[in-house]
């Protein structure tokens, strides 16, 4: 069920802000269980320089035209290098009826967490 912007704005209160984000380790756990999907919203110029080999890749500006590619039965964890764009995209997805959070620490934090032996913590075969 979609929300109007007015309905969505009414939910923006300090008590709910913790529900807007997910910590990196909590994301990894949910992803490995098949309960969450990573949504990388970077533009092609960014993904040409460095990319992840898992998750969905849909630039934020293409989301309205590509909503049908997103799972409705999983938590969407929206991510960009930091968190600015991902929080805006998360807000849009919530208004469109999706269950979404942004990745606290962004993709840079995720890559840092998964470097070296940390890479074995993410299941790519799920």
N, C-alpha and C. Protein backbone atom coordinates (compact mmCIF):
# COMPACT_ATOMS: atom_id res chain seq x y z
N UNK A 1 0.84 -1.18 0.00
CA UNK A 1 0.00 0.00 0.00
C UNK A 1 0.89 1.24 0.00
N UNK A 2 0.64 2.13 -0.92
CA UNK A 2 1.45 3.35 -1.00
C UNK A 2 0.93 4.39 -0.02
N UNK A 3 1.81 5.31 0.35
CA UNK A 3 1.46 6.40 1.24
C UNK A 3 1.58 7.71 0.47
N UNK A 4 0.77 8.68 0.87
CA UNK A 4 0.97 10.02 0.33
C UNK A 4 2.17 10.62 1.06
N UNK A 5 2.72 11.68 0.50
CA UNK A 5 3.84 12.33 1.18
C UNK A 5 3.41 12.88 2.53
N UNK A 6 2.18 13.35 2.63
CA UNK A 6 1.68 13.85 3.92
C UNK A 6 1.62 12.73 4.95
N UNK A 7 1.14 11.56 4.54
CA UNK A 7 1.08 10.42 5.47
C UNK A 7 2.49 10.00 5.89
N UNK A 8 3.39 9.99 4.92
CA UNK A 8 4.76 9.62 5.24
C UNK A 8 5.39 10.64 6.18
N UNK A 9 5.22 11.92 5.90
CA UNK A 9 5.81 12.97 6.73
C UNK A 9 5.33 12.87 8.18
N UNK A 10 4.11 12.42 8.38
CA UNK A 10 3.56 12.30 9.73
C UNK A 10 4.29 11.23 10.54
N UNK A 11 5.04 10.35 9.89
CA UNK A 11 5.76 9.29 10.61
C UNK A 11 7.19 9.69 10.95
N UNK A 12 7.61 10.88 10.55
CA UNK A 12 8.99 11.30 10.79
C UNK A 12 9.08 11.96 12.16
N UNK A 13 9.34 11.12 13.15
CA UNK A 13 9.48 11.58 14.53
C UNK A 13 10.72 10.91 15.11
N UNK A 14 11.37 11.54 16.10
CA UNK A 14 12.61 10.97 16.64
C UNK A 14 12.50 9.51 17.07
N UNK A 15 11.39 9.13 17.65
CA UNK A 15 11.24 7.75 18.13
C UNK A 15 11.30 6.73 17.00
N UNK A 16 11.01 7.14 15.78
CA UNK A 16 11.00 6.23 14.64
C UNK A 16 12.31 6.23 13.84
N UNK A 17 13.21 7.14 14.13
CA UNK A 17 14.41 7.26 13.31
C UNK A 17 15.30 6.01 13.38
N UNK A 18 15.34 5.34 14.52
CA UNK A 18 16.11 4.11 14.62
C UNK A 18 15.59 3.03 13.69
N UNK A 19 14.30 3.07 13.38
CA UNK A 19 13.70 2.10 12.47
C UNK A 19 14.07 2.36 11.01
N UNK A 20 14.67 3.51 10.73
CA UNK A 20 15.01 3.87 9.36
C UNK A 20 16.31 3.22 8.89
N UNK A 21 17.13 2.78 9.81
CA UNK A 21 18.46 2.27 9.44
C UNK A 21 18.70 0.87 10.02
N UNK A 22 19.69 0.21 9.44
CA UNK A 22 20.10 -1.11 9.92
C UNK A 22 21.62 -1.12 10.01
N UNK A 23 22.14 -1.67 11.08
CA UNK A 23 23.58 -1.78 11.26
C UNK A 23 24.14 -2.82 10.29
N UNK A 24 25.40 -2.68 9.96
CA UNK A 24 26.03 -3.56 8.97
C UNK A 24 25.96 -5.03 9.39
N UNK A 25 26.30 -5.35 10.64
CA UNK A 25 26.25 -6.75 11.06
C UNK A 25 24.83 -7.30 11.05
N UNK A 26 23.85 -6.47 11.42
CA UNK A 26 22.45 -6.92 11.37
C UNK A 26 22.03 -7.17 9.92
N UNK A 27 22.50 -6.32 9.00
CA UNK A 27 22.22 -6.56 7.58
C UNK A 27 22.82 -7.88 7.12
N UNK A 28 24.08 -8.12 7.45
CA UNK A 28 24.75 -9.35 7.01
C UNK A 28 23.97 -10.58 7.50
N UNK A 29 23.54 -10.55 8.75
CA UNK A 29 22.76 -11.67 9.30
C UNK A 29 21.46 -11.85 8.53
N UNK A 30 20.72 -10.77 8.32
CA UNK A 30 19.44 -10.86 7.59
C UNK A 30 19.65 -11.28 6.14
N UNK A 31 20.70 -10.77 5.51
CA UNK A 31 21.00 -11.13 4.12
C UNK A 31 21.31 -12.62 4.02
N UNK A 32 22.15 -13.11 4.91
CA UNK A 32 22.54 -14.52 4.89
C UNK A 32 21.35 -15.45 5.13
N UNK A 33 20.35 -14.99 5.87
CA UNK A 33 19.14 -15.79 6.12
C UNK A 33 18.13 -15.67 4.99
N UNK A 34 18.40 -14.80 4.01
CA UNK A 34 17.47 -14.59 2.92
C UNK A 34 16.31 -13.68 3.28
N UNK A 35 16.44 -12.94 4.36
CA UNK A 35 15.38 -12.05 4.84
C UNK A 35 15.53 -10.62 4.31
N UNK A 36 16.69 -10.30 3.77
CA UNK A 36 16.96 -8.94 3.30
C UNK A 36 17.68 -9.00 1.96
N UNK A 37 17.53 -7.92 1.20
CA UNK A 37 18.23 -7.78 -0.08
C UNK A 37 18.92 -6.42 -0.09
N UNK A 38 20.16 -6.39 -0.53
CA UNK A 38 20.89 -5.13 -0.67
C UNK A 38 20.44 -4.45 -1.95
N UNK A 39 20.17 -3.17 -1.87
CA UNK A 39 19.82 -2.37 -3.04
C UNK A 39 20.85 -1.25 -3.18
N UNK A 40 21.78 -1.43 -4.09
CA UNK A 40 22.85 -0.48 -4.38
C UNK A 40 22.27 0.55 -5.35
N UNK A 41 22.16 1.80 -4.90
CA UNK A 41 21.50 2.84 -5.71
C UNK A 41 22.48 3.79 -6.38
N UNK A 42 23.75 3.41 -6.44
CA UNK A 42 24.73 4.28 -7.08
C UNK A 42 24.50 4.38 -8.58
N UNK A 43 24.97 5.47 -9.16
CA UNK A 43 24.84 5.69 -10.61
C UNK A 43 25.92 4.89 -11.34
N UNK A 44 25.73 4.64 -12.64
CA UNK A 44 26.69 3.82 -13.40
C UNK A 44 28.13 4.32 -13.33
N UNK A 45 28.34 5.62 -13.26
CA UNK A 45 29.71 6.15 -13.17
C UNK A 45 30.41 5.64 -11.90
N UNK A 46 29.65 5.48 -10.84
CA UNK A 46 30.22 4.98 -9.59
C UNK A 46 30.47 3.47 -9.65
N UNK A 47 29.49 2.73 -10.16
CA UNK A 47 29.66 1.28 -10.20
C UNK A 47 30.71 0.86 -11.22
N UNK A 48 31.01 1.72 -12.19
CA UNK A 48 32.08 1.42 -13.14
C UNK A 48 33.45 1.44 -12.45
N UNK A 49 33.57 2.23 -11.41
CA UNK A 49 34.84 2.36 -10.69
C UNK A 49 35.01 1.23 -9.68
N UNK A 50 33.94 0.93 -8.93
CA UNK A 50 33.98 -0.20 -7.98
C UNK A 50 32.58 -0.73 -7.81
N UNK A 51 32.51 -2.06 -7.71
CA UNK A 51 31.20 -2.69 -7.62
C UNK A 51 31.20 -3.85 -6.65
N UNK A 52 30.00 -4.20 -6.22
CA UNK A 52 29.79 -5.36 -5.38
C UNK A 52 29.25 -6.48 -6.25
N UNK A 53 29.58 -7.70 -5.91
CA UNK A 53 29.12 -8.83 -6.70
C UNK A 53 27.90 -9.51 -6.09
N UNK A 54 27.13 -8.77 -5.32
CA UNK A 54 25.89 -9.29 -4.78
C UNK A 54 24.92 -8.12 -4.62
N UNK A 55 23.66 -8.46 -4.46
CA UNK A 55 22.63 -7.44 -4.30
C UNK A 55 22.07 -6.97 -5.63
N UNK A 56 21.11 -6.08 -5.53
CA UNK A 56 20.47 -5.46 -6.69
C UNK A 56 21.15 -4.13 -6.97
N UNK A 57 21.24 -3.76 -8.23
CA UNK A 57 21.87 -2.50 -8.61
C UNK A 57 20.88 -1.70 -9.45
N UNK A 58 20.24 -0.72 -8.82
CA UNK A 58 19.31 0.16 -9.52
C UNK A 58 19.62 1.59 -9.08
N UNK A 59 20.09 2.44 -9.98
CA UNK A 59 20.35 3.83 -9.61
C UNK A 59 19.10 4.49 -9.02
N UNK A 60 19.28 5.33 -8.03
CA UNK A 60 18.15 5.96 -7.34
C UNK A 60 17.20 6.66 -8.31
N UNK A 61 17.75 7.32 -9.32
CA UNK A 61 16.89 8.05 -10.25
C UNK A 61 16.07 7.13 -11.15
N UNK A 62 16.39 5.83 -11.18
CA UNK A 62 15.63 4.87 -11.98
C UNK A 62 14.59 4.10 -11.17
N UNK A 63 14.56 4.31 -9.86
CA UNK A 63 13.65 3.55 -9.01
C UNK A 63 12.19 3.64 -9.45
N UNK A 64 11.65 4.83 -9.74
CA UNK A 64 10.23 4.88 -10.11
C UNK A 64 9.86 3.98 -11.29
N UNK A 65 10.75 3.86 -12.25
CA UNK A 65 10.46 3.05 -13.44
C UNK A 65 10.76 1.57 -13.23
N UNK A 66 11.42 1.22 -12.12
CA UNK A 66 11.88 -0.17 -11.94
C UNK A 66 11.39 -0.81 -10.65
N UNK A 67 10.33 -0.27 -10.06
CA UNK A 67 9.81 -0.81 -8.81
C UNK A 67 9.43 -2.28 -8.92
N UNK A 68 9.00 -2.70 -10.11
CA UNK A 68 8.57 -4.09 -10.29
C UNK A 68 9.72 -5.08 -10.18
N UNK A 69 10.95 -4.61 -10.16
CA UNK A 69 12.12 -5.49 -10.01
C UNK A 69 12.47 -5.75 -8.55
N UNK A 70 11.79 -5.06 -7.64
CA UNK A 70 12.13 -5.15 -6.23
C UNK A 70 11.24 -6.16 -5.51
N UNK A 71 11.83 -6.96 -4.62
CA UNK A 71 11.03 -7.93 -3.87
C UNK A 71 10.17 -7.24 -2.82
N UNK A 72 8.94 -7.68 -2.71
CA UNK A 72 8.03 -7.16 -1.68
C UNK A 72 8.08 -8.01 -0.41
N UNK A 73 8.67 -9.20 -0.50
CA UNK A 73 8.66 -10.13 0.62
C UNK A 73 9.94 -10.09 1.46
N UNK A 74 10.83 -9.14 1.18
CA UNK A 74 12.09 -9.02 1.92
C UNK A 74 12.31 -7.58 2.33
N UNK A 75 13.12 -7.40 3.34
CA UNK A 75 13.57 -6.08 3.72
C UNK A 75 14.55 -5.60 2.66
N UNK A 76 14.31 -4.43 2.11
CA UNK A 76 15.25 -3.81 1.17
C UNK A 76 16.21 -2.94 1.98
N UNK A 77 17.49 -3.22 1.88
CA UNK A 77 18.49 -2.42 2.57
C UNK A 77 19.16 -1.56 1.51
N UNK A 78 18.81 -0.28 1.53
CA UNK A 78 19.23 0.66 0.50
C UNK A 78 20.60 1.22 0.87
N UNK A 79 21.50 1.26 -0.12
CA UNK A 79 22.86 1.69 0.19
C UNK A 79 23.47 2.51 -0.94
N UNK A 80 24.25 3.49 -0.52
CA UNK A 80 25.10 4.29 -1.40
C UNK A 80 26.43 4.40 -0.65
N UNK A 81 27.43 5.11 -1.16
CA UNK A 81 28.72 5.14 -0.45
C UNK A 81 28.61 5.56 1.02
N UNK A 82 27.83 6.57 1.32
CA UNK A 82 27.63 6.98 2.71
C UNK A 82 26.18 6.69 3.07
N UNK A 83 25.37 7.73 3.33
CA UNK A 83 23.96 7.45 3.65
C UNK A 83 23.00 8.49 3.09
N UNK A 84 23.48 9.58 2.53
CA UNK A 84 22.60 10.66 2.10
C UNK A 84 21.55 10.20 1.09
N UNK A 85 21.99 9.68 -0.03
CA UNK A 85 21.04 9.24 -1.07
C UNK A 85 20.23 8.04 -0.62
N UNK A 86 20.87 7.15 0.13
CA UNK A 86 20.15 5.94 0.52
C UNK A 86 18.98 6.25 1.45
N UNK A 87 19.11 7.23 2.32
CA UNK A 87 17.99 7.58 3.19
C UNK A 87 16.86 8.22 2.38
N UNK A 88 17.21 9.02 1.38
CA UNK A 88 16.16 9.60 0.52
C UNK A 88 15.46 8.51 -0.27
N UNK A 89 16.23 7.59 -0.83
CA UNK A 89 15.63 6.49 -1.60
C UNK A 89 14.80 5.59 -0.70
N UNK A 90 15.26 5.35 0.51
CA UNK A 90 14.49 4.56 1.47
C UNK A 90 13.14 5.22 1.73
N UNK A 91 13.15 6.52 1.91
CA UNK A 91 11.90 7.24 2.15
C UNK A 91 10.94 7.08 0.98
N UNK A 92 11.46 7.16 -0.23
CA UNK A 92 10.64 6.96 -1.42
C UNK A 92 10.05 5.55 -1.44
N UNK A 93 10.88 4.56 -1.16
CA UNK A 93 10.40 3.17 -1.19
C UNK A 93 9.36 2.90 -0.12
N UNK A 94 9.54 3.47 1.06
CA UNK A 94 8.53 3.33 2.13
C UNK A 94 7.21 3.92 1.65
N UNK A 95 7.27 5.09 1.02
CA UNK A 95 6.05 5.73 0.51
C UNK A 95 5.38 4.88 -0.57
N UNK A 96 6.16 4.03 -1.24
CA UNK A 96 5.62 3.15 -2.28
C UNK A 96 5.18 1.80 -1.72
N UNK A 97 5.25 1.63 -0.41
CA UNK A 97 4.75 0.41 0.21
C UNK A 97 5.78 -0.68 0.46
N UNK A 98 7.06 -0.38 0.28
CA UNK A 98 8.11 -1.38 0.51
C UNK A 98 8.58 -1.31 1.96
N UNK A 99 9.10 -2.42 2.44
CA UNK A 99 9.77 -2.49 3.73
C UNK A 99 11.24 -2.17 3.44
N UNK A 100 11.72 -1.03 3.88
CA UNK A 100 13.07 -0.60 3.52
C UNK A 100 13.76 0.11 4.67
N UNK A 101 15.06 -0.07 4.73
CA UNK A 101 15.93 0.64 5.67
C UNK A 101 17.18 1.05 4.90
N UNK A 102 17.90 2.03 5.42
CA UNK A 102 19.18 2.36 4.80
C UNK A 102 20.30 1.75 5.62
N UNK A 103 21.41 1.45 4.95
CA UNK A 103 22.54 0.79 5.59
C UNK A 103 23.37 1.81 6.36
N UNK A 104 23.38 1.67 7.67
CA UNK A 104 24.17 2.56 8.51
C UNK A 104 25.65 2.35 8.20
N UNK A 105 26.35 3.41 7.88
CA UNK A 105 27.75 3.30 7.48
C UNK A 105 27.94 3.22 5.98
N UNK A 106 26.84 2.98 5.25
CA UNK A 106 26.88 2.96 3.80
C UNK A 106 27.72 1.83 3.22
N UNK A 107 27.87 1.87 1.90
CA UNK A 107 28.65 0.84 1.21
C UNK A 107 30.12 0.88 1.61
N UNK A 108 30.63 2.07 1.91
CA UNK A 108 32.03 2.15 2.34
C UNK A 108 32.23 1.40 3.66
N UNK A 109 31.28 1.54 4.57
CA UNK A 109 31.34 0.79 5.82
C UNK A 109 31.20 -0.70 5.60
N UNK A 110 30.31 -1.10 4.68
CA UNK A 110 30.13 -2.52 4.38
C UNK A 110 31.39 -3.12 3.77
N UNK A 111 32.00 -2.42 2.82
CA UNK A 111 33.22 -2.91 2.19
C UNK A 111 34.34 -3.02 3.24
N UNK A 112 34.42 -2.05 4.13
CA UNK A 112 35.43 -2.10 5.18
C UNK A 112 35.20 -3.32 6.08
N UNK A 113 33.94 -3.58 6.41
CA UNK A 113 33.60 -4.73 7.27
C UNK A 113 33.90 -6.06 6.58
N UNK A 114 33.74 -6.12 5.26
CA UNK A 114 33.91 -7.37 4.52
C UNK A 114 35.31 -7.57 3.93
N UNK A 115 36.23 -6.65 4.20
CA UNK A 115 37.57 -6.80 3.62
C UNK A 115 38.32 -7.94 4.31
N UNK A 116 39.29 -8.48 3.59
CA UNK A 116 40.10 -9.57 4.13
C UNK A 116 39.26 -10.77 4.50
N UNK A 117 39.54 -11.34 5.67
CA UNK A 117 38.80 -12.54 6.09
C UNK A 117 37.33 -12.25 6.37
N UNK A 118 36.98 -10.98 6.54
CA UNK A 118 35.57 -10.61 6.75
C UNK A 118 34.69 -10.97 5.56
N UNK A 119 35.30 -11.12 4.39
CA UNK A 119 34.53 -11.45 3.18
C UNK A 119 33.81 -12.78 3.31
N UNK A 120 34.33 -13.68 4.13
CA UNK A 120 33.68 -14.97 4.27
C UNK A 120 32.42 -14.90 5.13
N UNK A 121 32.12 -13.73 5.69
CA UNK A 121 30.92 -13.59 6.51
C UNK A 121 29.64 -13.40 5.69
N UNK A 122 29.77 -13.07 4.41
CA UNK A 122 28.58 -12.87 3.56
C UNK A 122 28.39 -14.12 2.69
N UNK A 123 27.16 -14.58 2.62
CA UNK A 123 26.85 -15.77 1.82
C UNK A 123 26.44 -15.34 0.42
N UNK A 124 27.25 -15.69 -0.55
CA UNK A 124 26.94 -15.35 -1.94
C UNK A 124 26.16 -16.46 -2.63
N UNK A 125 25.99 -17.58 -1.97
CA UNK A 125 25.33 -18.74 -2.57
C UNK A 125 23.88 -18.93 -2.11
N UNK A 126 23.30 -17.95 -1.52
CA UNK A 126 21.96 -18.14 -0.94
C UNK A 126 20.88 -18.14 -1.97
